[in-house]
Amino acid sequence: SVSSENKKEKREKKGKKESKEKPKTKKRQKSFAWNHFTIINKDPNNQRAACNYCGVDYAADTKRNGTSTLKAHIEYQCKIYPGRCEYKKQKVLSFTKKKKLLEILMKSMLVA
């Protein structure tokens, strides 16, 4: 019958799924913060990481604490980080030069 064939197919599919499961492998660390920090305490209850530049340590369990504090340290707090830019905001553009150039052009047109 059709229903017994469907049940048999489902059992076969389940067996295939179980055999396809891969053994758990260690996931790579995805955040850019891990390029700048080293795990110093591998205790699963109190994992900590130290900044590679200044040595300041932070709670580093990615599930509990996340990596926001690590990123913030690198971007805003670490004075030794070589890639740090003090002035990240765009400079205010000055239009005085263009304005002066237009004035000079207008004067030269009036004189001519």
N, C-alpha and C. Protein backbone atom coordinates (compact mmCIF):
# COMPACT_ATOMS: atom_id res chain seq x y z
N SER A 1 0.83 -1.19 0.00
CA SER A 1 0.00 0.00 0.00
C SER A 1 0.87 1.26 0.00
N VAL A 2 0.25 2.36 -0.34
CA VAL A 2 0.97 3.62 -0.51
C VAL A 2 1.49 4.13 0.84
N SER A 3 0.69 4.03 1.89
CA SER A 3 1.11 4.56 3.19
C SER A 3 2.30 3.78 3.76
N SER A 4 2.34 2.46 3.55
CA SER A 4 3.48 1.68 4.06
C SER A 4 4.76 2.02 3.28
N GLU A 5 4.63 2.33 1.98
CA GLU A 5 5.79 2.73 1.18
C GLU A 5 6.33 4.09 1.65
N ASN A 6 5.41 5.01 1.97
CA ASN A 6 5.81 6.33 2.46
C ASN A 6 6.56 6.22 3.78
N LYS A 7 6.07 5.36 4.67
CA LYS A 7 6.72 5.17 5.97
C LYS A 7 8.12 4.60 5.78
N LYS A 8 8.24 3.66 4.84
CA LYS A 8 9.53 3.04 4.57
C LYS A 8 10.51 4.08 4.03
N GLU A 9 10.04 4.95 3.12
CA GLU A 9 10.88 6.01 2.56
C GLU A 9 11.34 6.98 3.65
N LYS A 10 10.43 7.32 4.56
CA LYS A 10 10.78 8.24 5.65
C LYS A 10 11.86 7.64 6.54
N ARG A 11 11.76 6.34 6.83
CA ARG A 11 12.76 5.67 7.66
C ARG A 11 14.12 5.68 6.97
N GLU A 12 14.13 5.45 5.65
CA GLU A 12 15.38 5.46 4.90
C GLU A 12 16.01 6.86 4.90
N LYS A 13 15.17 7.89 4.75
CA LYS A 13 15.67 9.26 4.77
C LYS A 13 16.28 9.60 6.12
N LYS A 14 15.62 9.16 7.21
CA LYS A 14 16.15 9.42 8.55
C LYS A 14 17.51 8.75 8.71
N GLY A 15 17.63 7.55 8.23
CA GLY A 15 18.90 6.82 8.32
C GLY A 15 20.00 7.54 7.56
N LYS A 16 19.66 8.10 6.40
CA LYS A 16 20.64 8.85 5.60
C LYS A 16 21.06 10.13 6.31
N LYS A 17 20.10 10.82 6.94
CA LYS A 17 20.42 12.06 7.65
C LYS A 17 21.39 11.79 8.79
N GLU A 18 21.15 10.72 9.53
CA GLU A 18 22.00 10.40 10.66
C GLU A 18 23.42 10.07 10.21
N SER A 19 23.55 9.39 9.09
CA SER A 19 24.88 9.01 8.62
C SER A 19 25.63 10.20 8.03
N LYS A 20 24.90 11.23 7.57
CA LYS A 20 25.54 12.40 6.98
C LYS A 20 26.07 13.37 8.03
N GLU A 21 25.65 13.23 9.28
CA GLU A 21 26.09 14.16 10.32
C GLU A 21 27.59 14.10 10.48
N LYS A 22 28.20 15.25 10.50
CA LYS A 22 29.65 15.33 10.64
C LYS A 22 30.00 15.44 12.12
N PRO A 23 31.17 14.97 12.48
CA PRO A 23 31.58 15.16 13.87
C PRO A 23 31.78 16.65 14.15
N LYS A 24 31.52 17.06 15.39
CA LYS A 24 31.63 18.48 15.73
C LYS A 24 33.08 18.93 15.59
N THR A 25 33.23 20.04 14.88
CA THR A 25 34.56 20.62 14.72
C THR A 25 34.56 21.99 15.38
N LYS A 26 35.71 22.44 15.74
CA LYS A 26 35.83 23.74 16.38
C LYS A 26 35.55 24.83 15.35
N LYS A 27 34.62 25.73 15.65
CA LYS A 27 34.27 26.81 14.73
C LYS A 27 35.36 27.87 14.75
N ARG A 28 35.58 28.47 13.61
CA ARG A 28 36.57 29.53 13.55
C ARG A 28 35.97 30.79 14.17
N GLN A 29 36.81 31.63 14.70
CA GLN A 29 36.37 32.87 15.29
C GLN A 29 36.14 33.88 14.18
N LYS A 30 34.93 34.43 14.11
CA LYS A 30 34.55 35.25 12.97
C LYS A 30 34.81 36.75 13.17
N SER A 31 34.71 37.24 14.37
CA SER A 31 34.83 38.66 14.60
C SER A 31 36.25 39.16 14.35
N PHE A 32 36.36 40.37 13.77
CA PHE A 32 37.68 40.94 13.54
C PHE A 32 38.41 41.20 14.85
N ALA A 33 37.66 41.28 15.95
CA ALA A 33 38.27 41.54 17.26
C ALA A 33 39.28 40.45 17.63
N TRP A 34 39.05 39.23 17.17
CA TRP A 34 39.95 38.13 17.53
C TRP A 34 41.31 38.26 16.85
N ASN A 35 41.43 39.13 15.85
CA ASN A 35 42.74 39.39 15.25
C ASN A 35 43.61 40.22 16.19
N HIS A 36 42.99 40.85 17.19
CA HIS A 36 43.69 41.77 18.06
C HIS A 36 43.71 41.33 19.53
N PHE A 37 43.09 40.20 19.83
CA PHE A 37 43.04 39.69 21.20
C PHE A 37 43.50 38.24 21.25
N THR A 38 44.07 37.85 22.40
CA THR A 38 44.50 36.48 22.63
C THR A 38 43.80 35.97 23.88
N ILE A 39 43.23 34.78 23.80
CA ILE A 39 42.57 34.19 24.96
C ILE A 39 43.63 33.83 25.98
N ILE A 40 43.46 34.34 27.21
CA ILE A 40 44.46 34.07 28.25
C ILE A 40 43.96 33.11 29.31
N ASN A 41 42.65 32.99 29.45
CA ASN A 41 42.08 32.10 30.44
C ASN A 41 41.02 31.25 29.75
N LYS A 42 41.30 30.00 29.54
CA LYS A 42 40.39 29.14 28.78
C LYS A 42 39.35 28.46 29.66
N ASP A 43 39.23 28.89 30.91
CA ASP A 43 38.22 28.35 31.81
C ASP A 43 36.84 28.65 31.21
N PRO A 44 36.03 27.63 30.95
CA PRO A 44 34.74 27.87 30.28
C PRO A 44 33.80 28.77 31.08
N ASN A 45 33.99 28.85 32.39
CA ASN A 45 33.11 29.70 33.21
C ASN A 45 33.60 31.14 33.31
N ASN A 46 34.86 31.38 32.97
CA ASN A 46 35.42 32.72 33.11
C ASN A 46 36.48 32.97 32.04
N GLN A 47 36.09 32.86 30.79
CA GLN A 47 37.05 33.03 29.70
C GLN A 47 37.41 34.51 29.55
N ARG A 48 38.72 34.79 29.44
CA ARG A 48 39.20 36.16 29.32
C ARG A 48 40.16 36.26 28.15
N ALA A 49 40.25 37.46 27.58
CA ALA A 49 41.16 37.71 26.46
C ALA A 49 41.90 39.01 26.71
N ALA A 50 43.17 39.04 26.29
CA ALA A 50 44.00 40.23 26.47
C ALA A 50 44.28 40.88 25.12
N CYS A 51 44.32 42.20 25.13
CA CYS A 51 44.65 42.97 23.93
C CYS A 51 46.09 42.69 23.55
N ASN A 52 46.33 42.44 22.29
CA ASN A 52 47.69 42.13 21.81
C ASN A 52 48.60 43.35 21.85
N TYR A 53 48.06 44.55 22.01
CA TYR A 53 48.85 45.77 21.96
C TYR A 53 49.15 46.32 23.35
N CYS A 54 48.11 46.46 24.19
CA CYS A 54 48.33 47.08 25.49
C CYS A 54 48.17 46.11 26.66
N GLY A 55 47.63 44.92 26.43
CA GLY A 55 47.54 43.91 27.47
C GLY A 55 46.30 43.97 28.34
N VAL A 56 45.42 44.93 28.13
CA VAL A 56 44.19 45.02 28.92
C VAL A 56 43.35 43.78 28.64
N ASP A 57 42.77 43.20 29.72
CA ASP A 57 41.98 41.98 29.50
C ASP A 57 40.50 42.24 29.73
N TYR A 58 39.69 41.47 29.01
CA TYR A 58 38.24 41.58 29.04
C TYR A 58 37.62 40.20 29.13
N ALA A 59 36.37 40.16 29.63
CA ALA A 59 35.60 38.92 29.59
C ALA A 59 35.40 38.59 28.12
N ALA A 60 35.64 37.32 27.76
CA ALA A 60 35.69 37.00 26.33
C ALA A 60 34.85 35.81 25.93
N ASP A 61 33.91 35.41 26.73
CA ASP A 61 33.03 34.32 26.33
C ASP A 61 32.06 34.89 25.30
N THR A 62 32.16 34.44 24.06
CA THR A 62 31.37 35.04 22.99
C THR A 62 29.87 34.83 23.17
N LYS A 63 29.47 33.77 23.84
CA LYS A 63 28.04 33.52 24.07
C LYS A 63 27.50 34.43 25.17
N ARG A 64 28.25 34.59 26.26
CA ARG A 64 27.80 35.39 27.39
C ARG A 64 28.06 36.88 27.20
N ASN A 65 29.27 37.21 26.78
CA ASN A 65 29.69 38.60 26.76
C ASN A 65 29.69 39.23 25.38
N GLY A 66 29.80 38.44 24.34
CA GLY A 66 29.88 38.97 22.99
C GLY A 66 31.26 39.56 22.73
N THR A 67 31.41 40.19 21.59
CA THR A 67 32.70 40.78 21.24
C THR A 67 32.62 42.30 21.12
N SER A 68 31.51 42.88 21.51
CA SER A 68 31.34 44.34 21.39
C SER A 68 32.37 45.09 22.21
N THR A 69 32.65 44.63 23.43
CA THR A 69 33.63 45.34 24.26
C THR A 69 35.03 45.22 23.67
N LEU A 70 35.31 44.08 23.06
CA LEU A 70 36.63 43.89 22.44
C LEU A 70 36.78 44.85 21.26
N LYS A 71 35.74 44.93 20.43
CA LYS A 71 35.77 45.83 19.27
C LYS A 71 35.89 47.29 19.71
N ALA A 72 35.12 47.66 20.73
CA ALA A 72 35.15 49.04 21.22
C ALA A 72 36.53 49.39 21.75
N HIS A 73 37.17 48.45 22.42
CA HIS A 73 38.51 48.71 22.93
C HIS A 73 39.47 49.02 21.78
N ILE A 74 39.43 48.20 20.76
CA ILE A 74 40.33 48.40 19.62
C ILE A 74 40.03 49.71 18.90
N GLU A 75 38.76 50.00 18.68
CA GLU A 75 38.39 51.17 17.89
C GLU A 75 38.55 52.49 18.63
N TYR A 76 38.28 52.50 19.97
CA TYR A 76 38.21 53.77 20.67
C TYR A 76 39.15 53.92 21.86
N GLN A 77 39.54 52.82 22.49
CA GLN A 77 40.26 52.94 23.75
C GLN A 77 41.74 52.61 23.68
N CYS A 78 42.13 51.69 22.85
CA CYS A 78 43.53 51.25 22.82
C CYS A 78 44.40 52.32 22.16
N LYS A 79 45.25 52.94 22.96
CA LYS A 79 46.10 54.03 22.47
C LYS A 79 47.25 53.50 21.62
N ILE A 80 47.60 52.21 21.78
CA ILE A 80 48.76 51.65 21.10
C ILE A 80 48.41 51.00 19.76
N TYR A 81 47.13 50.68 19.54
CA TYR A 81 46.71 50.03 18.30
C TYR A 81 47.19 50.83 17.09
N PRO A 82 48.00 50.24 16.21
CA PRO A 82 48.59 51.00 15.09
C PRO A 82 47.59 51.47 14.04
N GLY A 83 46.44 50.82 13.91
CA GLY A 83 45.47 51.20 12.90
C GLY A 83 44.47 52.22 13.37
N ARG A 84 44.65 52.72 14.58
CA ARG A 84 43.69 53.64 15.15
C ARG A 84 43.79 55.01 14.48
N CYS A 85 42.65 55.55 14.15
CA CYS A 85 42.59 56.87 13.53
C CYS A 85 41.97 57.82 14.54
N GLU A 86 42.69 58.85 14.92
CA GLU A 86 42.19 59.80 15.92
C GLU A 86 40.99 60.58 15.40
N TYR A 87 41.03 60.93 14.13
CA TYR A 87 39.98 61.77 13.57
C TYR A 87 39.25 61.01 12.48
N LYS A 88 38.19 60.30 12.88
CA LYS A 88 37.47 59.48 11.91
C LYS A 88 36.43 60.27 11.12
N LYS A 89 35.99 61.39 11.68
CA LYS A 89 34.93 62.14 11.01
C LYS A 89 35.47 62.85 9.78
N GLN A 90 34.59 63.03 8.83
CA GLN A 90 34.98 63.73 7.61
C GLN A 90 35.25 65.20 7.93
N LYS A 91 36.26 65.71 7.33
CA LYS A 91 36.61 67.12 7.52
C LYS A 91 35.52 68.00 6.91
N VAL A 92 35.33 69.17 7.49
CA VAL A 92 34.37 70.12 6.94
C VAL A 92 35.04 70.77 5.73
N LEU A 93 34.35 70.69 4.63
CA LEU A 93 34.90 71.25 3.40
C LEU A 93 34.77 72.77 3.40
N SER A 94 35.76 73.41 2.89
CA SER A 94 35.77 74.86 2.85
C SER A 94 35.50 75.32 1.42
N PHE A 95 34.55 76.24 1.28
CA PHE A 95 34.21 76.73 -0.04
C PHE A 95 34.77 78.13 -0.28
N THR A 96 35.60 78.59 0.62
CA THR A 96 36.12 79.95 0.46
C THR A 96 37.00 80.06 -0.77
N LYS A 97 37.77 79.07 -1.07
CA LYS A 97 38.65 79.13 -2.24
C LYS A 97 37.83 79.25 -3.52
N LYS A 98 36.77 78.45 -3.60
CA LYS A 98 35.93 78.48 -4.79
C LYS A 98 35.25 79.85 -4.89
N LYS A 99 34.81 80.35 -3.75
CA LYS A 99 34.14 81.65 -3.72
C LYS A 99 35.09 82.75 -4.19
N LYS A 100 36.32 82.70 -3.69
CA LYS A 100 37.32 83.70 -4.11
C LYS A 100 37.62 83.58 -5.60
N LEU A 101 37.68 82.36 -6.09
CA LEU A 101 37.95 82.14 -7.50
C LEU A 101 36.83 82.74 -8.35
N LEU A 102 35.58 82.55 -7.92
CA LEU A 102 34.45 83.14 -8.65
C LEU A 102 34.51 84.66 -8.63
N GLU A 103 34.89 85.24 -7.48
CA GLU A 103 35.00 86.70 -7.38
C GLU A 103 36.06 87.22 -8.35
N ILE A 104 37.18 86.53 -8.41
CA ILE A 104 38.26 86.94 -9.32
C ILE A 104 37.80 86.85 -10.76
N LEU A 105 37.10 85.77 -11.10
CA LEU A 105 36.59 85.61 -12.47
C LEU A 105 35.59 86.71 -12.82
N MET A 106 34.71 87.02 -11.87
CA MET A 106 33.69 88.05 -12.12
C MET A 106 34.35 89.42 -12.32
N LYS A 107 35.36 89.71 -11.48
CA LYS A 107 36.06 90.99 -11.61
C LYS A 107 36.78 91.08 -12.95
N SER A 108 37.40 89.96 -13.35
CA SER A 108 38.13 89.97 -14.62
C SER A 108 37.17 90.11 -15.80
N MET A 109 35.97 89.58 -15.67
CA MET A 109 34.99 89.71 -16.75
C MET A 109 34.47 91.15 -16.83
N LEU A 110 34.32 91.80 -15.67
CA LEU A 110 33.84 93.18 -15.65
C LEU A 110 34.88 94.14 -16.22
N VAL A 111 36.14 93.85 -15.94
CA VAL A 111 37.23 94.71 -16.40
C VAL A 111 37.40 94.58 -17.91
N ALA A 112 37.21 93.40 -18.43
CA ALA A 112 37.47 93.15 -19.85
C ALA A 112 36.41 93.68 -20.75
